[in-house]
Amino acid sequence: MLAVLDDTENAAAVATLGLTEEVEALREANAAFEAKFLEKTEEMSARMVQSDVKSEDAVAEANALYEDIVQTVNAYAIVQPTDEINTFIASVNGLVGTYSGIAGSSSKGGKAEGGDTPEPEPEPTE
């Protein structure tokens, strides 16, 4: 649209109609849109690389790192036990239990308490 408005014949008409400021405002808005659009495009490009990560691989890596941390903390708890280490262990155990419960309940189809409805019997076909 700006290219059409910038055409020699149309530019004269824009000036005659007193629309020069509006066309410049449109040009600025267009430039701002282009900048934001390119920014979003770059953001999406960065995410595309991340979408190639397999969940199983990420979980396996996180579990391996967690095991390393547990071994280190447990070693300190055995060799140099302190209240701080014991508090840390209790806190982490609580977090693990909480998240384990959340993850465990989200993977199952929950059942409502006390409302077992029998499965309807299929009607015989003749």
C-alpha atoms as a PDB file:
ATOM      1  CA  MET A   1       0.000   0.000   0.000  1.00  0.00           C
ATOM      2  CA  LEU A   2       2.855   2.361   0.848  1.00  0.00           C
ATOM      3  CA  ALA A   3       4.418   1.696  -2.532  1.00  0.00           C
ATOM      4  CA  VAL A   4       1.179   2.746  -4.213  1.00  0.00           C
ATOM      5  CA  LEU A   5       0.918   5.880  -2.065  1.00  0.00           C
ATOM      6  CA  ASP A   6       4.559   6.756  -2.831  1.00  0.00           C
ATOM      7  CA  ASP A   7       3.943   6.650  -6.594  1.00  0.00           C
ATOM      8  CA  THR A   8       4.485  10.105  -8.094  1.00  0.00           C
ATOM      9  CA  GLU A   9       0.844  10.644  -9.089  1.00  0.00           C
ATOM     10  CA  ASN A  10      -0.506   9.338  -5.791  1.00  0.00           C
ATOM     11  CA  ALA A  11       2.029  11.246  -3.666  1.00  0.00           C
ATOM     12  CA  ALA A  12       0.719  14.468  -5.177  1.00  0.00           C
ATOM     13  CA  ALA A  13      -2.857  13.416  -4.372  1.00  0.00           C
ATOM     14  CA  VAL A  14      -1.846  12.538  -0.793  1.00  0.00           C
ATOM     15  CA  ALA A  15      -0.308  15.989  -0.367  1.00  0.00           C
ATOM     16  CA  THR A  16      -3.351  17.684  -1.899  1.00  0.00           C
ATOM     17  CA  LEU A  17      -5.671  15.821   0.454  1.00  0.00           C
ATOM     18  CA  GLY A  18      -3.460  16.677   3.439  1.00  0.00           C
ATOM     19  CA  LEU A  19      -2.794  13.033   4.258  1.00  0.00           C
ATOM     20  CA  THR A  20       1.009  13.220   4.432  1.00  0.00           C
ATOM     21  CA  GLU A  21       1.083  12.800   8.221  1.00  0.00           C
ATOM     22  CA  GLU A  22      -1.258   9.807   8.051  1.00  0.00           C
ATOM     23  CA  VAL A  23       0.885   8.137   5.403  1.00  0.00           C
ATOM     24  CA  GLU A  24       3.985   8.706   7.551  1.00  0.00           C
ATOM     25  CA  ALA A  25       2.160   7.283  10.582  1.00  0.00           C
ATOM     26  CA  LEU A  26       1.268   4.254   8.450  1.00  0.00           C
ATOM     27  CA  ARG A  27       4.931   3.946   7.386  1.00  0.00           C
ATOM     28  CA  GLU A  28       6.061   4.013  11.048  1.00  0.00           C
ATOM     29  CA  ALA A  29       3.402   1.478  12.062  1.00  0.00           C
ATOM     30  CA  ASN A  30       4.435  -0.746   9.169  1.00  0.00           C
ATOM     31  CA  ALA A  31       8.105  -0.545  10.192  1.00  0.00           C
ATOM     32  CA  ALA A  32       7.210  -1.359  13.816  1.00  0.00           C
ATOM     33  CA  PHE A  33       5.143  -4.328  12.655  1.00  0.00           C
ATOM     34  CA  GLU A  34       7.998  -5.595  10.468  1.00  0.00           C
ATOM     35  CA  ALA A  35      10.433  -5.346  13.381  1.00  0.00           C
ATOM     36  CA  LYS A  36       8.117  -7.260  15.735  1.00  0.00           C
ATOM     37  CA  PHE A  37       7.306  -9.816  13.069  1.00  0.00           C
ATOM     38  CA  LEU A  38      11.014 -10.501  12.459  1.00  0.00           C
ATOM     39  CA  GLU A  39      11.597 -10.708  16.214  1.00  0.00           C
ATOM     40  CA  LYS A  40       8.823 -13.304  16.517  1.00  0.00           C
ATOM     41  CA  THR A  41      10.225 -15.207  13.539  1.00  0.00           C
ATOM     42  CA  GLU A  42      13.642 -15.397  15.204  1.00  0.00           C
ATOM     43  CA  GLU A  43      12.028 -16.530  18.449  1.00  0.00           C
ATOM     44  CA  MET A  44      10.179 -19.296  16.633  1.00  0.00           C
ATOM     45  CA  SER A  45      13.381 -20.341  14.873  1.00  0.00           C
ATOM     46  CA  ALA A  46      15.094 -20.694  18.240  1.00  0.00           C
ATOM     47  CA  ARG A  47      12.212 -22.816  19.526  1.00  0.00           C
ATOM     48  CA  MET A  48      12.354 -25.110  16.531  1.00  0.00           C
ATOM     49  CA  VAL A  49      15.753 -26.345  17.670  1.00  0.00           C
ATOM     50  CA  GLN A  50      14.356 -27.040  21.130  1.00  0.00           C
ATOM     51  CA  SER A  51      11.387 -28.936  19.755  1.00  0.00           C
ATOM     52  CA  ASP A  52      13.796 -31.579  18.421  1.00  0.00           C
ATOM     53  CA  VAL A  53      14.607 -32.624  22.004  1.00  0.00           C
ATOM     54  CA  LYS A  54      13.066 -35.954  22.933  1.00  0.00           C
ATOM     55  CA  SER A  55      11.342 -36.013  26.309  1.00  0.00           C
ATOM     56  CA  GLU A  56      12.760 -39.439  27.131  1.00  0.00           C
ATOM     57  CA  ASP A  57      16.316 -38.169  26.607  1.00  0.00           C
ATOM     58  CA  ALA A  58      15.726 -35.075  28.748  1.00  0.00           C
ATOM     59  CA  VAL A  59      14.194 -37.172  31.551  1.00  0.00           C
ATOM     60  CA  ALA A  60      17.056 -39.665  31.424  1.00  0.00           C
ATOM     61  CA  GLU A  61      19.622 -36.848  31.644  1.00  0.00           C
ATOM     62  CA  ALA A  62      17.758 -35.171  34.515  1.00  0.00           C
ATOM     63  CA  ASN A  63      17.540 -38.490  36.365  1.00  0.00           C
ATOM     64  CA  ALA A  64      21.275 -39.088  35.926  1.00  0.00           C
ATOM     65  CA  LEU A  65      22.072 -35.620  37.268  1.00  0.00           C
ATOM     66  CA  TYR A  66      19.678 -36.138  40.183  1.00  0.00           C
ATOM     67  CA  GLU A  67      21.379 -39.443  41.030  1.00  0.00           C
ATOM     68  CA  ASP A  68      24.769 -37.686  41.057  1.00  0.00           C
ATOM     69  CA  ILE A  69      23.440 -35.030  43.432  1.00  0.00           C
ATOM     70  CA  VAL A  70      21.886 -37.654  45.715  1.00  0.00           C
ATOM     71  CA  GLN A  71      25.155 -39.610  45.860  1.00  0.00           C
ATOM     72  CA  THR A  72      27.142 -36.488  46.737  1.00  0.00           C
ATOM     73  CA  VAL A  73      24.696 -35.338  49.415  1.00  0.00           C
ATOM     74  CA  ASN A  74      24.439 -38.815  50.886  1.00  0.00           C
ATOM     75  CA  ALA A  75      28.227 -39.064  51.016  1.00  0.00           C
ATOM     76  CA  TYR A  76      28.405 -35.814  53.001  1.00  0.00           C
ATOM     77  CA  ALA A  77      25.542 -36.978  55.230  1.00  0.00           C
ATOM     78  CA  ILE A  78      27.490 -40.133  56.096  1.00  0.00           C
ATOM     79  CA  VAL A  79      30.965 -38.588  56.444  1.00  0.00           C
ATOM     80  CA  GLN A  80      30.059 -35.189  57.928  1.00  0.00           C
ATOM     81  CA  PRO A  81      26.441 -35.242  59.072  1.00  0.00           C
ATOM     82  CA  THR A  82      25.013 -31.842  59.989  1.00  0.00           C
ATOM     83  CA  ASP A  83      21.568 -30.472  60.719  1.00  0.00           C
ATOM     84  CA  GLU A  84      21.739 -28.493  57.468  1.00  0.00           C
ATOM     85  CA  ILE A  85      22.378 -31.612  55.381  1.00  0.00           C
ATOM     86  CA  ASN A  86      19.627 -33.553  57.148  1.00  0.00           C
ATOM     87  CA  THR A  87      17.205 -30.634  56.661  1.00  0.00           C
ATOM     88  CA  PHE A  88      18.186 -30.425  52.992  1.00  0.00           C
ATOM     89  CA  ILE A  89      17.637 -34.181  52.530  1.00  0.00           C
ATOM     90  CA  ALA A  90      14.222 -34.016  54.226  1.00  0.00           C
ATOM     91  CA  SER A  91      13.251 -31.022  52.092  1.00  0.00           C
ATOM     92  CA  VAL A  92      14.301 -32.686  48.840  1.00  0.00           C
ATOM     93  CA  ASN A  93      12.552 -35.912  49.827  1.00  0.00           C
ATOM     94  CA  GLY A  94       9.383 -33.905  50.444  1.00  0.00           C
ATOM     95  CA  LEU A  95       9.667 -32.201  47.052  1.00  0.00           C
ATOM     96  CA  VAL A  96      10.306 -35.490  45.279  1.00  0.00           C
ATOM     97  CA  GLY A  97       7.337 -37.087  47.022  1.00  0.00           C
ATOM     98  CA  THR A  98       5.069 -34.183  46.140  1.00  0.00           C
ATOM     99  CA  TYR A  99       6.056 -34.082  42.473  1.00  0.00           C
ATOM    100  CA  SER A 100       5.973 -37.858  42.239  1.00  0.00           C
ATOM    101  CA  GLY A 101       2.400 -37.797  43.517  1.00  0.00           C
ATOM    102  CA  ILE A 102       1.466 -35.104  41.027  1.00  0.00           C
ATOM    103  CA  ALA A 103       3.109 -36.923  38.125  1.00  0.00           C
ATOM    104  CA  GLY A 104       1.619 -40.238  39.200  1.00  0.00           C
ATOM    105  CA  SER A 105      -1.895 -38.890  39.414  1.00  0.00           C
ATOM    106  CA  SER A 106      -1.701 -37.141  36.053  1.00  0.00           C
ATOM    107  CA  SER A 107      -0.785 -40.315  34.195  1.00  0.00           C
ATOM    108  CA  LYS A 108      -3.764 -42.262  35.523  1.00  0.00           C
ATOM    109  CA  GLY A 109      -7.383 -41.756  34.780  1.00  0.00           C
ATOM    110  CA  GLY A 110      -8.733 -40.621  38.131  1.00  0.00           C
ATOM    111  CA  LYS A 111     -11.742 -42.318  39.648  1.00  0.00           C
ATOM    112  CA  ALA A 112     -14.457 -40.634  41.619  1.00  0.00           C
ATOM    113  CA  GLU A 113     -14.901 -41.954  45.144  1.00  0.00           C
ATOM    114  CA  GLY A 114     -17.911 -44.130  45.880  1.00  0.00           C
ATOM    115  CA  GLY A 115     -19.732 -43.875  42.569  1.00  0.00           C
ATOM    116  CA  ASP A 116     -19.011 -47.139  40.811  1.00  0.00           C
ATOM    117  CA  THR A 117     -21.459 -47.385  37.948  1.00  0.00           C
ATOM    118  CA  PRO A 118     -21.790 -50.869  36.496  1.00  0.00           C
ATOM    119  CA  GLU A 119     -20.889 -51.326  32.860  1.00  0.00           C
ATOM    120  CA  PRO A 120     -24.087 -51.698  30.784  1.00  0.00           C
ATOM    121  CA  GLU A 121     -24.703 -55.168  29.409  1.00  0.00           C
ATOM    122  CA  PRO A 122     -24.818 -55.368  25.613  1.00  0.00           C
ATOM    123  CA  GLU A 123     -28.203 -56.324  24.252  1.00  0.00           C
ATOM    124  CA  PRO A 124     -28.279 -59.605  22.365  1.00  0.00           C
ATOM    125  CA  THR A 125     -28.547 -59.287  18.617  1.00  0.00           C
ATOM    126  CA  GLU A 126     -30.833 -61.627  16.732  1.00  0.00           C
END
